[in-house]
Protein backbone atom coordinates (compact mmCIF):
# COMPACT_ATOMS: atom_id res chain seq x y z
CA UNK A 1 121.60 89.05 103.56
CA UNK A 2 118.64 90.64 101.71
CA UNK A 3 115.34 88.78 101.94
CA UNK A 4 112.23 89.03 99.77
CA UNK A 5 108.56 88.46 100.45
CA UNK A 6 106.74 86.34 97.86
CA UNK A 7 103.15 85.19 97.30
CA UNK A 8 102.09 81.86 95.80
CA UNK A 9 98.59 81.21 94.50
CA UNK A 10 97.16 77.90 95.69
CA UNK A 11 94.76 75.60 93.85
CA UNK A 12 91.01 75.35 94.44
CA UNK A 13 91.34 72.33 96.73
CA UNK A 14 93.46 74.24 99.25
CA UNK A 15 90.33 75.29 101.13
CA UNK A 16 86.93 76.94 101.00
CA UNK A 17 87.18 80.35 99.37
CA UNK A 18 85.47 83.48 100.63
CA UNK A 19 84.62 84.34 97.02
CA UNK A 20 85.02 81.82 94.18
CA UNK A 21 87.17 84.32 92.25
CA UNK A 22 89.66 84.86 95.11
CA UNK A 23 92.12 82.00 95.66
CA UNK A 24 93.95 80.97 98.76
CA UNK A 25 97.52 82.29 98.73
CA UNK A 26 100.65 81.48 100.67
CA UNK A 27 102.82 84.38 101.83
CA UNK A 28 106.43 83.65 102.65
CA UNK A 29 109.88 85.23 102.69
CA UNK A 30 113.32 84.00 101.77
CA UNK A 31 116.87 85.05 100.97
CA UNK A 32 116.42 83.19 97.68
CA UNK A 33 114.74 84.86 94.74
CA UNK A 34 110.99 84.11 94.54
CA UNK A 35 111.29 81.83 91.47
CA UNK A 36 113.94 79.63 93.11
CA UNK A 37 111.98 79.46 96.38
CA UNK A 38 108.80 78.58 94.47
CA UNK A 39 110.57 75.61 92.86
CA UNK A 40 111.81 74.52 96.29
CA UNK A 41 108.25 74.59 97.60
CA UNK A 42 107.05 72.48 94.68
CA UNK A 43 109.80 69.91 95.23
CA UNK A 44 108.97 69.75 98.96
CA UNK A 45 112.15 71.37 100.28
CA UNK A 46 111.28 73.18 103.53
CA UNK A 47 107.73 73.53 102.31
CA UNK A 48 104.44 73.55 104.18
CA UNK A 49 102.28 70.60 103.09
CA UNK A 50 99.57 72.99 101.90
CA UNK A 51 102.00 74.73 99.54
CA UNK A 52 103.67 71.55 98.27
CA UNK A 53 100.29 70.04 97.40
CA UNK A 54 98.47 73.06 95.98
CA UNK A 55 101.05 75.58 94.67
CA UNK A 56 99.99 76.90 91.24
CA UNK A 57 102.03 79.98 90.43
CA UNK A 58 103.82 82.99 91.84
CA UNK A 59 101.72 86.16 92.09
CA UNK A 60 104.15 89.06 91.53
CA UNK A 61 101.17 91.45 91.38
CA UNK A 62 100.75 90.76 95.11
CA UNK A 63 104.38 91.23 96.21
CA UNK A 64 106.45 93.16 93.65
CA UNK A 65 105.81 96.47 95.43
CA UNK A 66 107.82 95.19 98.42
CA UNK A 67 111.54 95.67 98.09
CA UNK A 68 114.28 93.57 99.66
CA UNK A 69 114.62 93.61 103.44
CA UNK A 70 117.81 93.58 105.47
CA UNK A 71 117.57 90.36 107.40
CA UNK A 72 114.96 87.72 107.94
CA UNK A 73 113.28 89.40 110.93
CA UNK A 74 112.21 92.45 108.90
CA UNK A 75 111.13 90.22 106.00
CA UNK A 76 108.99 88.06 108.31
CA UNK A 77 107.31 91.17 109.73
CA UNK A 78 106.55 92.35 106.18
CA UNK A 79 105.33 88.85 105.28
CA UNK A 80 102.83 88.94 108.15
CA UNK A 81 101.66 92.46 107.23
CA UNK A 82 101.14 91.40 103.60
CA UNK A 83 99.17 88.30 104.63
CA UNK A 84 96.85 90.45 106.73
CA UNK A 85 96.50 93.02 103.95
CA UNK A 86 95.58 90.30 101.45
CA UNK A 87 93.02 88.89 103.89
CA UNK A 88 91.57 92.40 104.18
CA UNK A 89 90.88 92.42 100.42
CA UNK A 90 89.26 88.98 100.19
CA UNK A 91 92.01 86.38 99.92
CA UNK A 92 92.58 83.61 102.43
CA UNK A 93 96.28 84.19 103.08
CA UNK A 94 98.24 81.38 104.71
CA UNK A 95 101.35 82.56 106.54
CA UNK A 96 103.46 81.00 109.27
CA UNK A 97 100.85 78.35 110.12
CA UNK A 98 97.87 80.71 110.19
CA UNK A 99 95.21 81.18 107.50
CA UNK A 100 94.26 84.86 107.70
CA UNK A 101 90.81 85.79 106.46
CA UNK A 102 89.43 82.25 106.51
CA UNK A 103 86.63 83.08 108.95
CA UNK A 104 86.15 86.74 108.01
CA UNK A 105 82.94 87.71 106.25
CA UNK A 106 83.66 91.00 104.56
CA UNK A 107 86.53 92.76 102.83
CA UNK A 108 87.32 95.83 100.74
CA UNK A 109 88.72 95.84 97.23
CA UNK A 110 91.85 97.80 96.36
CA UNK A 111 91.45 101.36 95.17
CA UNK A 112 93.58 103.17 92.57
CA UNK A 113 96.18 104.30 95.13
CA UNK A 114 96.78 100.74 96.35
CA UNK A 115 96.96 99.37 92.80
CA UNK A 116 99.48 102.00 91.64
CA UNK A 117 102.67 100.25 92.92
CA UNK A 118 101.87 97.12 90.88
CA UNK A 119 100.03 98.75 87.98
CA UNK A 120 102.54 97.38 85.47
CA UNK A 121 101.23 93.88 86.33
CA UNK A 122 97.69 94.97 85.45
CA UNK A 123 98.87 96.56 82.20
CA UNK A 124 100.77 93.41 81.18
CA UNK A 125 97.81 91.15 82.02
CA UNK A 126 95.46 93.40 80.00
CA UNK A 127 97.68 93.34 76.92
CA UNK A 128 98.12 89.57 77.18
CA UNK A 129 94.35 89.18 77.50
CA UNK A 130 93.79 91.36 74.42
CA UNK A 131 96.31 89.30 72.47
CA UNK A 132 94.68 85.98 73.36
CA UNK A 133 91.02 87.07 72.97
CA UNK A 134 88.98 85.59 70.12
CA UNK A 135 87.64 89.01 69.15
CA UNK A 136 88.40 92.69 69.86
CA UNK A 137 88.02 93.72 73.50
CA UNK A 138 86.80 97.07 74.71
CA UNK A 139 88.32 98.45 77.91
CA UNK A 140 85.05 97.68 79.71
CA UNK A 141 84.98 94.02 78.59
CA UNK A 142 88.69 93.56 79.34
CA UNK A 143 88.20 95.03 82.83
CA UNK A 144 85.37 92.60 83.53
CA UNK A 145 87.51 89.66 82.38
CA UNK A 146 90.46 90.75 84.52
CA UNK A 147 88.03 91.10 87.44
CA UNK A 148 87.02 87.47 86.91
CA UNK A 149 83.39 87.90 85.99
CA UNK A 150 81.39 84.92 84.78
CA UNK A 151 78.65 84.85 82.15
CA UNK A 152 77.70 83.50 78.75
CA UNK A 153 79.38 86.50 77.11
CA UNK A 154 82.82 85.41 78.38
CA UNK A 155 82.96 82.51 75.89
CA UNK A 156 82.77 85.03 73.06
CA UNK A 157 86.21 86.29 74.09
CA UNK A 158 88.18 83.49 75.79
CA UNK A 159 88.20 79.74 76.34
CA UNK A 160 86.94 79.38 79.92
CA UNK A 161 88.23 75.81 80.09
CA UNK A 162 91.77 77.01 79.31
CA UNK A 163 91.73 80.74 80.09
CA UNK A 164 94.67 83.08 79.59
CA UNK A 165 96.63 83.75 82.82
CA UNK A 166 95.18 87.25 83.20
CA UNK A 167 91.56 86.09 83.39
CA UNK A 168 90.31 86.72 86.93
CA UNK A 169 93.71 87.89 88.17
CA UNK A 170 92.37 91.11 89.73
CA UNK A 171 89.10 90.37 91.57
CA UNK A 172 90.57 92.12 94.62
CA UNK A 173 90.65 95.46 92.75
CA UNK A 174 87.54 97.59 92.28
CA UNK A 175 86.08 97.09 88.80
CA UNK A 176 85.83 100.84 88.14
CA UNK A 177 89.54 101.24 88.99
CA UNK A 178 90.51 98.54 86.48
CA UNK A 179 88.27 100.02 83.80
CA UNK A 180 89.60 103.55 84.37
CA UNK A 181 93.17 102.31 84.00
CA UNK A 182 92.40 100.35 80.83
CA UNK A 183 90.63 103.36 79.35
CA UNK A 184 93.92 105.26 79.80
CA UNK A 185 96.11 102.61 78.16
CA UNK A 186 93.72 100.98 75.69
CA UNK A 187 94.85 101.83 72.21
CA UNK A 188 92.57 101.68 69.18
CA UNK A 189 95.29 99.80 67.32
CA UNK A 190 94.98 96.90 69.78
CA UNK A 191 91.30 96.56 68.95
CA UNK A 192 91.99 97.06 65.23
CA UNK A 193 94.69 94.39 65.17
CA UNK A 194 92.36 92.00 66.97
CA UNK A 195 89.72 92.77 64.36
CA UNK A 196 92.14 91.89 61.57
CA UNK A 197 93.05 88.66 63.36
CA UNK A 198 89.37 87.78 63.75
CA UNK A 199 88.74 88.33 60.03
CA UNK A 200 91.62 86.02 59.15
CA UNK A 201 90.02 83.10 61.02
């Protein structure tokens, strides 16, 4: 039976973060589709206490590049590899009773080659961010928001108390890589339509 690896973002109280922008995540695998397994975790069915208490949302940008595996053994091996990879880029990744990266001090952000398999997730988050921003976003500003930067300027674009889902979703990717990608896809009409929306307020 085919099995899939999935990644669940955990809430702030799950544990001390290595970087305030990088959450703890849980990496698992199942023969069920990730959405169904996520709901099982939330209801407590065969769920680690950490996940039942702190599960926030699925993170397809961290697992969609992995296809289905033939059998649970191969899926569990991939699950472990993904947990270690996520720990290598700054997350604390909980998997099979171990929290990888919890005591590590340094990490490296993803480059363009590593982002490529899940680039559609970045594109979708950028467009959603542009749609929910209070005013037109440049590619540079959008990249900084996706990277999870803080500052007084952020309030000019989004509500930090109730941010759009894309805010801070990619702190594990180099900022220049995000900005280069957005420069490729950013369309003047997005900024123009946001300008029209801002004038209507």
